[in-house]
């Protein structure tokens, strides 16, 4: 017993160090004091980026070990700088013009459509085509449907799906509307960068992105609240639901999709994940097929086709 005691003490000491960190990351109640300071939002954002990007890298390496390596992407330093600069500008503009919402703005950096800018920059810098393709698939269900809404608005005068309907909410700040253009250029940029290499690895990219969505939902449901306390001078709480980790987008009217909204995580998250991942890969493949056809007709890029 005396020989085992130091080991037990060391384990207890390690657990005590891990406990406060996890307690701090845990979302707690909506009105918890941690949601009124930037510290928790920054910690959550760092945990999210580390977990999702780390999961993607690990999945990509495992697929490479099992299936063999893909040829590296050609260097694209300009695209890396552009993606990171856009991400930084998005944060800077939103923080400057919406000072009362800075805490929410930092939490919202964990939205996949924003985080994918950094994930794609990392993939392009590391020259890993499957990881880059995964960044595009990760956001496809959202960004491809933006095109449907915009075309519907131009033709019919209304948003048929209302995927980008939050831009018209009274609570949406102008800075957020102005800095939402990445929803239109991001997936085409991913397709073009992959087409400069050996091709668009749809199969591997989907497997990587599917694992990344699991990590994304786990972090968001554990650490981000459904709503934040009302900002100073306002009565309404700020709606969050980062990456739809609590319920489907509230403008969605399809009843079967919303069947398990706000259910406990073990029920809601698997339901949401199969819908999200299937929609992601189908919509990404549809848009990429059109873009690749255009690239084959108009350019001589060597990778303007799908590969596994």
Protein backbone atom coordinates (compact mmCIF):
# COMPACT_ATOMS: atom_id res chain seq x y z
CA UNK A 1 0.00 0.00 0.00
CA UNK A 2 2.84 2.38 0.85
CA UNK A 3 4.47 1.75 -2.54
CA UNK A 4 1.18 2.49 -4.38
CA UNK A 5 0.36 5.64 -2.42
CA UNK A 6 2.62 8.10 -4.32
CA UNK A 7 1.17 6.92 -7.65
CA UNK A 8 -2.38 7.44 -6.38
CA UNK A 9 -1.45 10.88 -5.11
CA UNK A 10 0.00 11.79 -8.49
CA UNK A 11 -3.20 10.64 -10.23
CA UNK A 12 -5.33 12.67 -7.86
CA UNK A 13 -3.13 15.71 -8.43
CA UNK A 14 -3.47 15.35 -12.22
CA UNK A 15 -7.24 15.02 -11.98
CA UNK A 16 -7.45 18.16 -9.86
CA UNK A 17 -5.49 20.08 -12.48
CA UNK A 18 -7.76 18.85 -15.30
CA UNK A 19 -10.99 19.39 -13.37
CA UNK A 20 -10.99 23.20 -13.17
CA UNK A 21 -10.07 23.51 -16.86
CA UNK A 22 -13.00 21.34 -17.92
CA UNK A 23 -15.31 23.13 -15.50
CA UNK A 24 -14.28 26.44 -17.01
CA UNK A 25 -14.89 25.23 -20.58
CA UNK A 26 -18.28 23.78 -19.65
CA UNK A 27 -21.02 26.18 -20.73
CA UNK A 28 -22.92 26.31 -17.43
CA UNK A 29 -26.11 28.35 -17.29
CA UNK A 30 -27.00 31.12 -19.73
CA UNK A 31 -26.54 33.82 -17.10
CA UNK A 32 -23.25 32.41 -15.82
CA UNK A 33 -20.73 35.16 -15.19
CA UNK A 34 -18.23 33.49 -17.55
CA UNK A 35 -20.44 34.48 -20.50
CA UNK A 36 -19.97 38.16 -19.66
CA UNK A 37 -16.19 38.12 -20.20
CA UNK A 38 -13.98 37.32 -23.17
CA UNK A 39 -11.94 34.67 -21.32
CA UNK A 40 -14.43 31.84 -21.76
CA UNK A 41 -15.19 32.75 -25.38
CA UNK A 42 -11.48 32.78 -26.28
CA UNK A 43 -10.87 29.47 -24.50
CA UNK A 44 -13.80 27.85 -26.29
CA UNK A 45 -12.64 29.19 -29.65
CA UNK A 46 -9.11 27.84 -29.12
CA UNK A 47 -10.46 24.45 -27.98
CA UNK A 48 -12.73 24.28 -31.02
CA UNK A 49 -10.03 25.10 -33.57
CA UNK A 50 -7.56 22.73 -31.93
CA UNK A 51 -10.03 19.84 -31.67
CA UNK A 52 -11.50 20.10 -35.16
CA UNK A 53 -8.26 20.80 -37.02
CA UNK A 54 -6.46 18.15 -34.96
CA UNK A 55 -9.18 15.60 -35.75
CA UNK A 56 -8.89 16.42 -39.44
CA UNK A 57 -5.12 16.02 -39.48
CA UNK A 58 -5.29 12.73 -37.59
CA UNK A 59 -8.00 11.38 -39.90
CA UNK A 60 -6.04 12.45 -42.98
CA UNK A 61 -2.87 10.76 -41.73
CA UNK A 62 -4.77 7.55 -40.90
CA UNK A 63 -6.33 7.46 -44.36
CA UNK A 64 -2.92 8.04 -45.89
CA UNK A 65 -1.50 5.12 -43.91
CA UNK A 66 -4.38 2.85 -44.94
CA UNK A 67 -4.88 3.86 -48.57
CA UNK A 68 -1.56 5.38 -49.57
CA UNK A 69 -0.56 9.04 -49.93
CA UNK A 70 -2.06 11.51 -52.36
CA UNK A 71 0.25 13.79 -54.35
CA UNK A 72 0.82 17.06 -52.55
CA UNK A 73 -0.98 20.21 -53.63
CA UNK A 74 1.07 22.80 -55.49
CA UNK A 75 2.23 25.65 -53.24
CA UNK A 76 -0.42 28.36 -52.84
CA UNK A 77 1.03 31.00 -50.50
CA UNK A 78 -1.23 33.70 -51.89
CA UNK A 79 -4.36 31.71 -51.06
CA UNK A 80 -3.08 30.95 -47.56
CA UNK A 81 -2.47 34.64 -46.89
CA UNK A 82 -5.81 35.64 -48.39
CA UNK A 83 -7.80 33.15 -46.28
CA UNK A 84 -6.08 34.13 -43.04
CA UNK A 85 -6.29 37.85 -43.85
CA UNK A 86 -10.00 37.54 -44.59
CA UNK A 87 -10.55 35.69 -41.28
CA UNK A 88 -8.64 38.41 -39.41
CA UNK A 89 -10.53 41.18 -41.24
CA UNK A 90 -13.84 39.49 -40.42
CA UNK A 91 -12.95 39.45 -36.73
CA UNK A 92 -11.61 43.01 -36.78
CA UNK A 93 -14.56 44.55 -38.63
CA UNK A 94 -17.20 42.81 -36.57
CA UNK A 95 -15.45 43.66 -33.30
CA UNK A 96 -14.94 47.30 -34.26
CA UNK A 97 -18.48 48.02 -35.39
CA UNK A 98 -20.35 45.86 -32.88
CA UNK A 99 -18.56 46.62 -29.62
CA UNK A 100 -21.44 45.40 -27.45
CA UNK A 101 -21.37 42.03 -29.18
CA UNK A 102 -17.66 41.25 -28.94
CA UNK A 103 -18.13 38.26 -26.66
CA UNK A 104 -20.67 36.73 -29.03
CA UNK A 105 -18.42 37.54 -32.00
CA UNK A 106 -15.58 35.49 -30.50
CA UNK A 107 -17.93 32.59 -29.77
CA UNK A 108 -19.16 32.81 -33.36
CA UNK A 109 -15.64 32.24 -34.68
CA UNK A 110 -16.46 28.59 -33.94
CA UNK A 111 -19.10 28.53 -36.68
CA UNK A 112 -17.79 26.05 -39.25
CA UNK A 113 -18.27 28.53 -42.10
CA UNK A 114 -15.80 30.89 -40.39
CA UNK A 115 -13.42 28.31 -38.95
CA UNK A 116 -13.14 26.57 -42.33
CA UNK A 117 -11.19 29.59 -43.59
CA UNK A 118 -8.42 28.71 -41.14
CA UNK A 119 -8.73 24.96 -41.77
CA UNK A 120 -8.40 25.49 -45.52
CA UNK A 121 -5.42 27.80 -45.03
CA UNK A 122 -3.71 25.12 -42.91
CA UNK A 123 -4.48 22.45 -45.50
CA UNK A 124 -3.14 24.58 -48.36
CA UNK A 125 -0.02 25.44 -46.38
CA UNK A 126 0.56 21.75 -45.54
CA UNK A 127 -0.35 20.90 -49.18
CA UNK A 128 -2.81 18.17 -48.14
CA UNK A 129 -5.62 17.79 -50.70
CA UNK A 130 -7.97 15.60 -48.62
CA UNK A 131 -7.84 18.01 -45.69
CA UNK A 132 -8.53 20.93 -48.05
CA UNK A 133 -11.44 19.12 -49.68
CA UNK A 134 -12.80 18.33 -46.19
CA UNK A 135 -12.86 22.05 -45.37
CA UNK A 136 -15.13 22.62 -48.37
CA UNK A 137 -17.41 19.68 -47.56
CA UNK A 138 -17.65 20.79 -43.93
CA UNK A 139 -19.60 23.92 -44.90
CA UNK A 140 -21.33 22.83 -48.11
CA UNK A 141 -24.89 22.44 -46.83
CA UNK A 142 -24.81 26.03 -45.67
CA UNK A 143 -22.83 27.72 -48.40
CA UNK A 144 -24.26 25.92 -51.43
CA UNK A 145 -27.79 26.74 -50.27
CA UNK A 146 -26.80 30.41 -50.13
CA UNK A 147 -26.72 30.25 -53.94
CA UNK A 148 -30.23 28.79 -53.97
CA UNK A 149 -31.50 31.58 -51.71
CA UNK A 150 -29.79 34.31 -53.73
CA UNK A 151 -31.09 32.96 -57.06
CA UNK A 152 -34.55 32.62 -55.55
CA UNK A 153 -34.42 36.20 -54.31
CA UNK A 154 -33.30 37.51 -57.71
CA UNK A 155 -35.93 35.52 -59.61
CA UNK A 156 -38.85 35.30 -57.17
CA UNK A 157 -38.19 38.23 -54.88
CA UNK A 158 -37.96 36.03 -51.78
CA UNK A 159 -35.62 33.57 -50.10
CA UNK A 160 -36.97 30.07 -50.79
CA UNK A 161 -34.93 28.31 -48.11
CA UNK A 162 -33.98 31.21 -45.80
CA UNK A 163 -30.56 29.71 -45.12
CA UNK A 164 -29.13 33.22 -45.28
CA UNK A 165 -32.30 34.67 -43.78
CA UNK A 166 -30.45 35.67 -40.61
CA UNK A 167 -28.96 38.53 -42.62
CA UNK A 168 -32.39 40.14 -42.50
CA UNK A 169 -33.00 39.65 -38.78
CA UNK A 170 -33.24 42.99 -36.95
CA UNK A 171 -30.65 41.70 -34.45
CA UNK A 172 -28.03 41.04 -37.16
CA UNK A 173 -25.46 43.83 -37.20
CA UNK A 174 -24.46 45.42 -40.50
CA UNK A 175 -20.84 44.37 -39.92
CA UNK A 176 -21.89 40.70 -39.94
CA UNK A 177 -23.78 41.19 -43.20
CA UNK A 178 -20.82 42.85 -44.91
CA UNK A 179 -18.35 40.17 -43.79
CA UNK A 180 -20.46 37.20 -44.94
CA UNK A 181 -19.13 37.09 -48.50
CA UNK A 182 -16.98 34.03 -47.80
CA UNK A 183 -20.19 32.00 -48.09
CA UNK A 184 -20.04 32.72 -51.81
CA UNK A 185 -16.35 32.34 -52.69
CA UNK A 186 -15.06 29.71 -50.27
CA UNK A 187 -16.22 26.44 -51.86
CA UNK A 188 -15.24 27.53 -55.41
CA UNK A 189 -11.80 28.49 -54.08
CA UNK A 190 -11.38 25.06 -52.48
CA UNK A 191 -12.35 23.35 -55.73
CA UNK A 192 -9.91 25.44 -57.78
CA UNK A 193 -7.03 24.83 -55.36
CA UNK A 194 -7.64 21.08 -55.46
CA UNK A 195 -7.94 21.16 -59.26
CA UNK A 196 -4.43 22.62 -59.42
CA UNK A 197 -3.21 19.32 -57.96
CA UNK A 198 -4.11 15.72 -58.62
CA UNK A 199 -7.89 16.14 -58.33
CA UNK A 200 -10.71 16.64 -55.86
CA UNK A 201 -10.55 13.75 -53.32
CA UNK A 202 -14.27 13.54 -52.56
CA UNK A 203 -14.17 10.19 -50.74
CA UNK A 204 -11.30 10.96 -48.39
CA UNK A 205 -12.49 14.51 -47.92
CA UNK A 206 -15.91 13.29 -46.83
CA UNK A 207 -14.48 10.84 -44.30
CA UNK A 208 -12.26 13.55 -42.82
CA UNK A 209 -15.08 16.09 -42.66
CA UNK A 210 -17.48 13.57 -41.08
CA UNK A 211 -15.07 13.05 -38.20
CA UNK A 212 -14.53 16.79 -37.93
CA UNK A 213 -18.26 17.39 -37.56
CA UNK A 214 -18.33 15.01 -34.60
CA UNK A 215 -15.53 16.93 -32.91
CA UNK A 216 -17.25 20.20 -33.78
CA UNK A 217 -20.56 19.20 -32.25
CA UNK A 218 -18.96 17.73 -29.13
CA UNK A 219 -17.06 20.94 -28.37
CA UNK A 220 -19.96 23.26 -29.21
CA UNK A 221 -22.61 21.37 -27.24
CA UNK A 222 -20.30 21.04 -24.23
CA UNK A 223 -18.99 24.59 -24.11
CA UNK A 224 -21.31 27.05 -25.89
CA UNK A 225 -24.75 28.14 -24.63
CA UNK A 226 -27.89 28.25 -26.73
CA UNK A 227 -28.24 31.92 -25.84
CA UNK A 228 -26.10 34.61 -24.26
CA UNK A 229 -27.34 37.09 -21.68
CA UNK A 230 -28.86 40.27 -23.18
CA UNK A 231 -26.23 42.87 -24.13
CA UNK A 232 -26.20 46.16 -22.21
CA UNK A 233 -29.36 48.18 -22.79
CA UNK A 234 -31.30 45.34 -24.39
CA UNK A 235 -33.89 42.91 -23.06
CA UNK A 236 -33.61 40.04 -25.53
CA UNK A 237 -30.91 37.38 -25.11
CA UNK A 238 -28.50 36.87 -28.01
CA UNK A 239 -29.32 33.67 -29.90
CA UNK A 240 -26.26 31.47 -30.52
CA UNK A 241 -26.86 27.77 -31.35
CA UNK A 242 -23.33 27.51 -32.73
CA UNK A 243 -23.14 24.94 -35.54
CA UNK A 244 -26.75 24.00 -34.79
CA UNK A 245 -25.62 22.00 -31.76
CA UNK A 246 -29.02 22.44 -30.04
CA UNK A 247 -31.58 22.63 -32.82
CA UNK A 248 -32.03 23.05 -36.54
CA UNK A 249 -31.81 26.55 -37.94
CA UNK A 250 -34.87 28.30 -36.62
CA UNK A 251 -36.06 29.49 -40.05
CA UNK A 252 -36.20 25.87 -41.27
CA UNK A 253 -39.84 24.77 -41.52
CA UNK A 254 -39.35 21.08 -42.42
CA UNK A 255 -40.93 19.23 -39.52
CA UNK A 256 -39.01 15.96 -39.74
CA UNK A 257 -35.65 17.75 -39.64
CA UNK A 258 -36.69 19.52 -36.43
CA UNK A 259 -38.03 16.34 -34.82
CA UNK A 260 -35.41 16.18 -32.06
CA UNK A 261 -34.66 19.88 -31.60
CA UNK A 262 -33.36 20.64 -28.09
CA UNK A 263 -33.40 16.96 -27.13
CA UNK A 264 -30.58 15.65 -24.97
CA UNK A 265 -27.24 15.36 -26.82
CA UNK A 266 -27.33 11.55 -27.15
CA UNK A 267 -30.59 11.87 -29.11
CA UNK A 268 -30.24 15.14 -31.02
CA UNK A 269 -26.58 15.06 -32.12
CA UNK A 270 -26.63 11.70 -34.00
CA UNK A 271 -29.84 12.81 -35.74
CA UNK A 272 -28.36 16.13 -36.76
CA UNK A 273 -25.01 14.65 -37.78
CA UNK A 274 -26.35 12.17 -40.34
CA UNK A 275 -28.51 14.87 -41.94
CA UNK A 276 -25.67 17.39 -41.91
CA UNK A 277 -23.00 15.04 -43.27
CA UNK A 278 -25.21 13.58 -46.00
CA UNK A 279 -26.34 17.02 -47.07
CA UNK A 280 -22.78 18.32 -47.01
CA UNK A 281 -21.34 15.68 -49.32
CA UNK A 282 -24.27 15.68 -51.76
CA UNK A 283 -24.40 19.46 -52.13
CA UNK A 284 -20.61 19.78 -52.31
CA UNK A 285 -20.49 17.09 -55.02
CA UNK A 286 -23.26 18.84 -56.96
CA UNK A 287 -21.62 22.27 -56.92
CA UNK A 288 -18.15 20.82 -57.49
CA UNK A 289 -19.39 18.89 -60.53
CA UNK A 290 -20.55 22.13 -62.14
CA UNK A 291 -17.34 23.97 -61.22
CA UNK A 292 -15.09 21.14 -62.43
CA UNK A 293 -16.94 20.98 -65.73
CA UNK A 294 -16.33 24.69 -66.20
CA UNK A 295 -12.66 24.29 -65.29
CA UNK A 296 -12.23 21.46 -67.79
CA UNK A 297 -13.82 23.54 -70.54
CA UNK A 298 -12.06 26.81 -69.78
CA UNK A 299 -8.70 25.88 -68.26
CA UNK A 300 -5.97 23.28 -68.49
CA UNK A 301 -5.82 22.53 -64.75
CA UNK A 302 -4.62 18.93 -64.35
CA UNK A 303 -6.90 18.00 -61.45
CA UNK A 304 -10.29 19.18 -62.70
CA UNK A 305 -11.94 15.86 -61.83
CA UNK A 306 -12.97 13.78 -58.81
CA UNK A 307 -10.72 11.19 -57.20
CA UNK A 308 -11.22 9.13 -54.07
